[in-house]
Amino acid sequence: MTRDIGVAVFDDINNFALFNPAITAVAQPIKEIGLRVTKILLEELQDNHIIDSQNILLKTKLIIRDSSVRLPV
């Protein structure tokens, strides 16, 4: 078994901690994403036009678990 690679995913779920090795994940603010998308869609429907593209930066959290920890040789 090689130890030269690590695994990290987006959208953390509690079950990732149960894997062996536990999976490293970037937890995204799902509720905030949903609220922002809903607001943008409602604005588009009310104004009856397409809103220009937007860049929205939200905070994430890196949850480091065993799947990406460097192991001793």
PDB file of N, CA and C in Angstrom:
ATOM      1  N   MET A   1       0.839  -1.188   0.000  1.00  0.00           N
ATOM      2  CA  MET A   1       0.000   0.000   0.000  1.00  0.00           C
ATOM      3  C   MET A   1       0.878   1.244   0.000  1.00  0.00           C
ATOM      4  N   THR A   2       0.603   2.139  -0.927  1.00  0.00           N
ATOM      5  CA  THR A   2       1.394   3.367  -0.998  1.00  0.00           C
ATOM      6  C   THR A   2       0.859   4.423  -0.043  1.00  0.00           C
ATOM      7  N   ARG A   3       1.723   5.255   0.437  1.00  0.00           N
ATOM      8  CA  ARG A   3       1.339   6.346   1.341  1.00  0.00           C
ATOM      9  C   ARG A   3       1.695   7.687   0.721  1.00  0.00           C
ATOM     10  N   ASP A   4       1.779   7.721  -0.611  1.00  0.00           N
ATOM     11  CA  ASP A   4       2.209   8.929  -1.304  1.00  0.00           C
ATOM     12  C   ASP A   4       1.066   9.855  -1.688  1.00  0.00           C
ATOM     13  N   ILE A   5      -0.153   9.470  -1.458  1.00  0.00           N
ATOM     14  CA  ILE A   5      -1.274  10.319  -1.838  1.00  0.00           C
ATOM     15  C   ILE A   5      -2.142  10.626  -0.627  1.00  0.00           C
ATOM     16  N   GLY A   6      -2.864  11.723  -0.736  1.00  0.00           N
ATOM     17  CA  GLY A   6      -3.824  12.094   0.294  1.00  0.00           C
ATOM     18  C   GLY A   6      -5.175  12.297  -0.363  1.00  0.00           C
ATOM     19  N   VAL A   7      -6.217  12.285   0.435  1.00  0.00           N
ATOM     20  CA  VAL A   7      -7.561  12.475  -0.081  1.00  0.00           C
ATOM     21  C   VAL A   7      -8.237  13.591   0.704  1.00  0.00           C
ATOM     22  N   ALA A   8      -8.838  14.516  -0.038  1.00  0.00           N
ATOM     23  CA  ALA A   8      -9.631  15.583   0.572  1.00  0.00           C
ATOM     24  C   ALA A   8     -10.841  15.820  -0.320  1.00  0.00           C
ATOM     25  N   VAL A   9     -11.961  16.112   0.296  1.00  0.00           N
ATOM     26  CA  VAL A   9     -13.206  16.305  -0.437  1.00  0.00           C
ATOM     27  C   VAL A   9     -13.894  17.596   0.005  1.00  0.00           C
ATOM     28  N   PHE A  10     -14.873  18.021  -0.773  1.00  0.00           N
ATOM     29  CA  PHE A  10     -15.716  19.147  -0.394  1.00  0.00           C
ATOM     30  C   PHE A  10     -17.017  18.613   0.172  1.00  0.00           C
ATOM     31  N   ASP A  11     -17.707  19.446   0.937  1.00  0.00           N
ATOM     32  CA  ASP A  11     -18.993  19.103   1.548  1.00  0.00           C
ATOM     33  C   ASP A  11     -18.835  18.023   2.613  1.00  0.00           C
ATOM     34  N   ASP A  12     -18.283  18.406   3.723  1.00  0.00           N
ATOM     35  CA  ASP A  12     -18.063  17.479   4.830  1.00  0.00           C
ATOM     36  C   ASP A  12     -19.384  16.903   5.337  1.00  0.00           C
ATOM     37  N   ILE A  13     -19.377  15.627   5.611  1.00  0.00           N
ATOM     38  CA  ILE A  13     -20.484  14.969   6.301  1.00  0.00           C
ATOM     39  C   ILE A  13     -19.895  14.223   7.488  1.00  0.00           C
ATOM     40  N   ASN A  14     -20.683  14.025   8.497  1.00  0.00           N
ATOM     41  CA  ASN A  14     -20.191  13.386   9.720  1.00  0.00           C
ATOM     42  C   ASN A  14     -19.608  12.001   9.471  1.00  0.00           C
ATOM     43  N   ASN A  15     -20.128  11.279   8.495  1.00  0.00           N
ATOM     44  CA  ASN A  15     -19.664   9.921   8.236  1.00  0.00           C
ATOM     45  C   ASN A  15     -18.216   9.861   7.756  1.00  0.00           C
ATOM     46  N   PHE A  16     -17.680  10.960   7.225  1.00  0.00           N
ATOM     47  CA  PHE A  16     -16.292  10.945   6.775  1.00  0.00           C
ATOM     48  C   PHE A  16     -15.335  10.648   7.922  1.00  0.00           C
ATOM     49  N   ALA A  17     -15.712  10.967   9.134  1.00  0.00           N
ATOM     50  CA  ALA A  17     -14.870  10.673  10.295  1.00  0.00           C
ATOM     51  C   ALA A  17     -14.857   9.181  10.607  1.00  0.00           C
ATOM     52  N   LEU A  18     -15.816   8.426  10.082  1.00  0.00           N
ATOM     53  CA  LEU A  18     -15.920   7.000  10.369  1.00  0.00           C
ATOM     54  C   LEU A  18     -15.097   6.130   9.425  1.00  0.00           C
ATOM     55  N   PHE A  19     -14.688   6.685   8.278  1.00  0.00           N
ATOM     56  CA  PHE A  19     -13.882   5.922   7.329  1.00  0.00           C
ATOM     57  C   PHE A  19     -12.504   5.640   7.911  1.00  0.00           C
ATOM     58  N   ASN A  20     -11.837   4.640   7.361  1.00  0.00           N
ATOM     59  CA  ASN A  20     -10.480   4.333   7.781  1.00  0.00           C
ATOM     60  C   ASN A  20      -9.577   4.339   6.554  1.00  0.00           C
ATOM     61  N   PRO A  21      -8.753   5.358   6.367  1.00  0.00           N
ATOM     62  CA  PRO A  21      -8.562   6.515   7.253  1.00  0.00           C
ATOM     63  C   PRO A  21      -9.717   7.513   7.128  1.00  0.00           C
ATOM     64  N   ALA A  22      -9.904   8.290   8.182  1.00  0.00           N
ATOM     65  CA  ALA A  22     -10.943   9.324   8.178  1.00  0.00           C
ATOM     66  C   ALA A  22     -10.627  10.333   7.072  1.00  0.00           C
ATOM     67  N   ILE A  23     -11.663  10.806   6.378  1.00  0.00           N
ATOM     68  CA  ILE A  23     -11.497  11.637   5.184  1.00  0.00           C
ATOM     69  C   ILE A  23     -11.420  13.118   5.542  1.00  0.00           C
ATOM     70  N   THR A  24     -10.381  13.782   5.055  1.00  0.00           N
ATOM     71  CA  THR A  24     -10.231  15.226   5.196  1.00  0.00           C
ATOM     72  C   THR A  24     -11.266  15.908   4.307  1.00  0.00           C
ATOM     73  N   ALA A  25     -11.843  17.004   4.791  1.00  0.00           N
ATOM     74  CA  ALA A  25     -12.895  17.664   4.015  1.00  0.00           C
ATOM     75  C   ALA A  25     -12.861  19.174   4.206  1.00  0.00           C
ATOM     76  N   VAL A  26     -13.391  19.863   3.200  1.00  0.00           N
ATOM     77  CA  VAL A  26     -13.634  21.295   3.290  1.00  0.00           C
ATOM     78  C   VAL A  26     -15.136  21.458   3.530  1.00  0.00           C
ATOM     79  N   ALA A  27     -15.481  21.914   4.710  1.00  0.00           N
ATOM     80  CA  ALA A  27     -16.895  22.118   5.044  1.00  0.00           C
ATOM     81  C   ALA A  27     -17.329  23.463   4.489  1.00  0.00           C
ATOM     82  N   GLN A  28     -18.398  23.440   3.699  1.00  0.00           N
ATOM     83  CA  GLN A  28     -18.921  24.656   3.093  1.00  0.00           C
ATOM     84  C   GLN A  28     -20.174  25.106   3.842  1.00  0.00           C
ATOM     85  N   PRO A  29     -20.432  26.409   3.860  1.00  0.00           N
ATOM     86  CA  PRO A  29     -21.623  26.917   4.563  1.00  0.00           C
ATOM     87  C   PRO A  29     -22.881  26.700   3.713  1.00  0.00           C
ATOM     88  N   ILE A  30     -23.396  25.480   3.716  1.00  0.00           N
ATOM     89  CA  ILE A  30     -24.492  25.085   2.840  1.00  0.00           C
ATOM     90  C   ILE A  30     -25.723  25.973   3.036  1.00  0.00           C
ATOM     91  N   LYS A  31     -26.070  26.266   4.271  1.00  0.00           N
ATOM     92  CA  LYS A  31     -27.245  27.108   4.529  1.00  0.00           C
ATOM     93  C   LYS A  31     -27.061  28.492   3.908  1.00  0.00           C
ATOM     94  N   GLU A  32     -25.892  29.084   4.094  1.00  0.00           N
ATOM     95  CA  GLU A  32     -25.604  30.414   3.542  1.00  0.00           C
ATOM     96  C   GLU A  32     -25.625  30.387   2.015  1.00  0.00           C
ATOM     97  N   ILE A  33     -25.095  29.327   1.421  1.00  0.00           N
ATOM     98  CA  ILE A  33     -25.120  29.190  -0.041  1.00  0.00           C
ATOM     99  C   ILE A  33     -26.574  29.158  -0.521  1.00  0.00           C
ATOM    100  N   GLY A  34     -27.397  28.369   0.135  1.00  0.00           N
ATOM    101  CA  GLY A  34     -28.806  28.275  -0.237  1.00  0.00           C
ATOM    102  C   GLY A  34     -29.529  29.604  -0.113  1.00  0.00           C
ATOM    103  N   LEU A  35     -29.272  30.332   0.968  1.00  0.00           N
ATOM    104  CA  LEU A  35     -29.901  31.636   1.163  1.00  0.00           C
ATOM    105  C   LEU A  35     -29.488  32.625   0.072  1.00  0.00           C
ATOM    106  N   ARG A  36     -28.204  32.639  -0.260  1.00  0.00           N
ATOM    107  CA  ARG A  36     -27.717  33.563  -1.296  1.00  0.00           C
ATOM    108  C   ARG A  36     -28.308  33.237  -2.662  1.00  0.00           C
ATOM    109  N   VAL A  37     -28.329  31.955  -3.000  1.00  0.00           N
ATOM    110  CA  VAL A  37     -28.874  31.543  -4.295  1.00  0.00           C
ATOM    111  C   VAL A  37     -30.362  31.896  -4.384  1.00  0.00           C
ATOM    112  N   THR A  38     -31.096  31.647  -3.306  1.00  0.00           N
ATOM    113  CA  THR A  38     -32.523  31.962  -3.289  1.00  0.00           C
ATOM    114  C   THR A  38     -32.753  33.460  -3.476  1.00  0.00           C
ATOM    115  N   LYS A  39     -31.955  34.263  -2.799  1.00  0.00           N
ATOM    116  CA  LYS A  39     -32.087  35.722  -2.917  1.00  0.00           C
ATOM    117  C   LYS A  39     -31.825  36.167  -4.359  1.00  0.00           C
ATOM    118  N   ILE A  40     -30.782  35.645  -4.970  1.00  0.00           N
ATOM    119  CA  ILE A  40     -30.447  36.012  -6.347  1.00  0.00           C
ATOM    120  C   ILE A  40     -31.564  35.595  -7.304  1.00  0.00           C
ATOM    121  N   LEU A  41     -32.073  34.374  -7.138  1.00  0.00           N
ATOM    122  CA  LEU A  41     -33.153  33.903  -8.013  1.00  0.00           C
ATOM    123  C   LEU A  41     -34.419  34.746  -7.854  1.00  0.00           C
ATOM    124  N   LEU A  42     -34.773  35.097  -6.621  1.00  0.00           N
ATOM    125  CA  LEU A  42     -35.947  35.931  -6.399  1.00  0.00           C
ATOM    126  C   LEU A  42     -35.776  37.312  -7.026  1.00  0.00           C
ATOM    127  N   GLU A  43     -34.575  37.878  -6.945  1.00  0.00           N
ATOM    128  CA  GLU A  43     -34.304  39.172  -7.570  1.00  0.00           C
ATOM    129  C   GLU A  43     -34.462  39.081  -9.083  1.00  0.00           C
ATOM    130  N   GLU A  44     -33.985  37.991  -9.670  1.00  0.00           N
ATOM    131  CA  GLU A  44     -34.127  37.804 -11.107  1.00  0.00           C
ATOM    132  C   GLU A  44     -35.595  37.703 -11.502  1.00  0.00           C
ATOM    133  N   LEU A  45     -36.384  36.965 -10.730  1.00  0.00           N
ATOM    134  CA  LEU A  45     -37.807  36.805 -11.038  1.00  0.00           C
ATOM    135  C   LEU A  45     -38.571  38.119 -10.878  1.00  0.00           C
ATOM    136  N   GLN A  46     -38.251  38.883  -9.841  1.00  0.00           N
ATOM    137  CA  GLN A  46     -38.950  40.143  -9.583  1.00  0.00           C
ATOM    138  C   GLN A  46     -38.617  41.201 -10.629  1.00  0.00           C
ATOM    139  N   ASP A  47     -37.354  41.272 -11.019  1.00  0.00           N
ATOM    140  CA  ASP A  47     -36.920  42.292 -11.973  1.00  0.00           C
ATOM    141  C   ASP A  47     -37.099  41.849 -13.416  1.00  0.00           C
ATOM    142  N   ASN A  48     -37.441  40.574 -13.610  1.00  0.00           N
ATOM    143  CA  ASN A  48     -37.669  40.014 -14.939  1.00  0.00           C
ATOM    144  C   ASN A  48     -36.471  40.191 -15.874  1.00  0.00           C
ATOM    145  N   HIS A  49     -35.281  40.097 -15.321  1.00  0.00           N
ATOM    146  CA  HIS A  49     -34.077  40.109 -16.149  1.00  0.00           C
ATOM    147  C   HIS A  49     -32.981  39.309 -15.458  1.00  0.00           C
ATOM    148  N   ILE A  50     -31.992  38.956 -16.240  1.00  0.00           N
ATOM    149  CA  ILE A  50     -30.876  38.164 -15.705  1.00  0.00           C
ATOM    150  C   ILE A  50     -29.877  39.094 -15.032  1.00  0.00           C
ATOM    151  N   ILE A  51     -29.529  38.768 -13.808  1.00  0.00           N
ATOM    152  CA  ILE A  51     -28.546  39.547 -13.057  1.00  0.00           C
ATOM    153  C   ILE A  51     -27.152  39.166 -13.543  1.00  0.00           C
ATOM    154  N   ASP A  52     -26.270  40.148 -13.647  1.00  0.00           N
ATOM    155  CA  ASP A  52     -24.892  39.877 -14.050  1.00  0.00           C
ATOM    156  C   ASP A  52     -24.250  38.877 -13.107  1.00  0.00           C
ATOM    157  N   SER A  53     -23.251  38.180 -13.628  1.00  0.00           N
ATOM    158  CA  SER A  53     -22.549  37.212 -12.791  1.00  0.00           C
ATOM    159  C   SER A  53     -21.933  37.906 -11.582  1.00  0.00           C
ATOM    160  N   GLN A  54     -21.826  37.162 -10.510  1.00  0.00           N
ATOM    161  CA  GLN A  54     -21.306  37.704  -9.257  1.00  0.00           C
ATOM    162  C   GLN A  54     -20.268  36.764  -8.676  1.00  0.00           C
ATOM    163  N   ASN A  55     -19.314  37.323  -7.991  1.00  0.00           N
ATOM    164  CA  ASN A  55     -18.375  36.540  -7.200  1.00  0.00           C
ATOM    165  C   ASN A  55     -18.739  36.754  -5.742  1.00  0.00           C
ATOM    166  N   ILE A  56     -19.062  35.676  -5.060  1.00  0.00           N
ATOM    167  CA  ILE A  56     -19.427  35.753  -3.647  1.00  0.00           C
ATOM    168  C   ILE A  56     -18.466  34.855  -2.884  1.00  0.00           C
ATOM    169  N   LEU A  57     -17.778  35.428  -1.933  1.00  0.00           N
ATOM    170  CA  LEU A  57     -16.797  34.682  -1.150  1.00  0.00           C
ATOM    171  C   LEU A  57     -17.373  34.371   0.228  1.00  0.00           C
ATOM    172  N   LEU A  58     -17.451  33.097   0.545  1.00  0.00           N
ATOM    173  CA  LEU A  58     -17.954  32.656   1.843  1.00  0.00           C
ATOM    174  C   LEU A  58     -16.861  31.893   2.573  1.00  0.00           C
ATOM    175  N   LYS A  59     -16.906  31.938   3.877  1.00  0.00           N
ATOM    176  CA  LYS A  59     -15.898  31.228   4.674  1.00  0.00           C
ATOM    177  C   LYS A  59     -16.156  29.725   4.655  1.00  0.00           C
ATOM    178  N   THR A  60     -15.081  28.980   4.568  1.00  0.00           N
ATOM    179  CA  THR A  60     -15.136  27.525   4.649  1.00  0.00           C
ATOM    180  C   THR A  60     -14.275  27.079   5.826  1.00  0.00           C
ATOM    181  N   LYS A  61     -14.333  25.803   6.126  1.00  0.00           N
ATOM    182  CA  LYS A  61     -13.515  25.275   7.220  1.00  0.00           C
ATOM    183  C   LYS A  61     -12.836  23.990   6.750  1.00  0.00           C
ATOM    184  N   LEU A  62     -11.520  23.945   6.852  1.00  0.00           N
ATOM    185  CA  LEU A  62     -10.770  22.749   6.505  1.00  0.00           C
ATOM    186  C   LEU A  62     -10.711  21.837   7.720  1.00  0.00           C
ATOM    187  N   ILE A  63     -11.246  20.630   7.556  1.00  0.00           N
ATOM    188  CA  ILE A  63     -11.253  19.651   8.638  1.00  0.00           C
ATOM    189  C   ILE A  63     -10.245  18.563   8.267  1.00  0.00           C
ATOM    190  N   ILE A  64      -9.076  18.652   8.864  1.00  0.00           N
ATOM    191  CA  ILE A  64      -7.986  17.731   8.535  1.00  0.00           C
ATOM    192  C   ILE A  64      -8.162  16.435   9.315  1.00  0.00           C
ATOM    193  N   ARG A  65      -8.214  15.348   8.550  1.00  0.00           N
ATOM    194  CA  ARG A  65      -8.323  14.019   9.158  1.00  0.00           C
ATOM    195  C   ARG A  65      -7.195  13.147   8.609  1.00  0.00           C
ATOM    196  N   ASP A  66      -7.202  11.888   8.956  1.00  0.00           N
ATOM    197  CA  ASP A  66      -6.080  10.993   8.638  1.00  0.00           C
ATOM    198  C   ASP A  66      -5.810  10.809   7.145  1.00  0.00           C
ATOM    199  N   SER A  67      -6.780  11.048   6.281  1.00  0.00           N
ATOM    200  CA  SER A  67      -6.569  10.778   4.850  1.00  0.00           C
ATOM    201  C   SER A  67      -5.571  11.739   4.208  1.00  0.00           C
ATOM    202  N   SER A  68      -5.214  12.810   4.918  1.00  0.00           N
ATOM    203  CA  SER A  68      -4.258  13.753   4.335  1.00  0.00           C
ATOM    204  C   SER A  68      -3.097  14.089   5.268  1.00  0.00           C
ATOM    205  N   VAL A  69      -2.968  13.339   6.338  1.00  0.00           N
ATOM    206  CA  VAL A  69      -1.879  13.569   7.282  1.00  0.00           C
ATOM    207  C   VAL A  69      -0.657  12.774   6.821  1.00  0.00           C
ATOM    208  N   ARG A  70       0.493  13.458   6.774  1.00  0.00           N
ATOM    209  CA  ARG A  70       1.720  12.773   6.383  1.00  0.00           C
ATOM    210  C   ARG A  70       2.115  11.787   7.480  1.00  0.00           C
ATOM    211  N   LEU A  71       2.280  10.541   7.068  1.00  0.00           N
ATOM    212  CA  LEU A  71       2.655   9.488   8.017  1.00  0.00           C
ATOM    213  C   LEU A  71       4.175   9.321   8.056  1.00  0.00           C
ATOM    214  N   PRO A  72       4.714   8.956   9.203  1.00  0.00           N
ATOM    215  CA  PRO A  72       6.154   8.719   9.287  1.00  0.00           C
ATOM    216  C   PRO A  72       6.559   7.514   8.410  1.00  0.00           C
ATOM    217  N   VAL A  73       7.745   7.603   7.863  1.00  0.00           N
ATOM    218  CA  VAL A  73       8.254   6.523   6.990  1.00  0.00           C
ATOM    219  C   VAL A  73       8.889   5.454   7.823  1.00  0.00           C
TER     220      VAL A  73
END
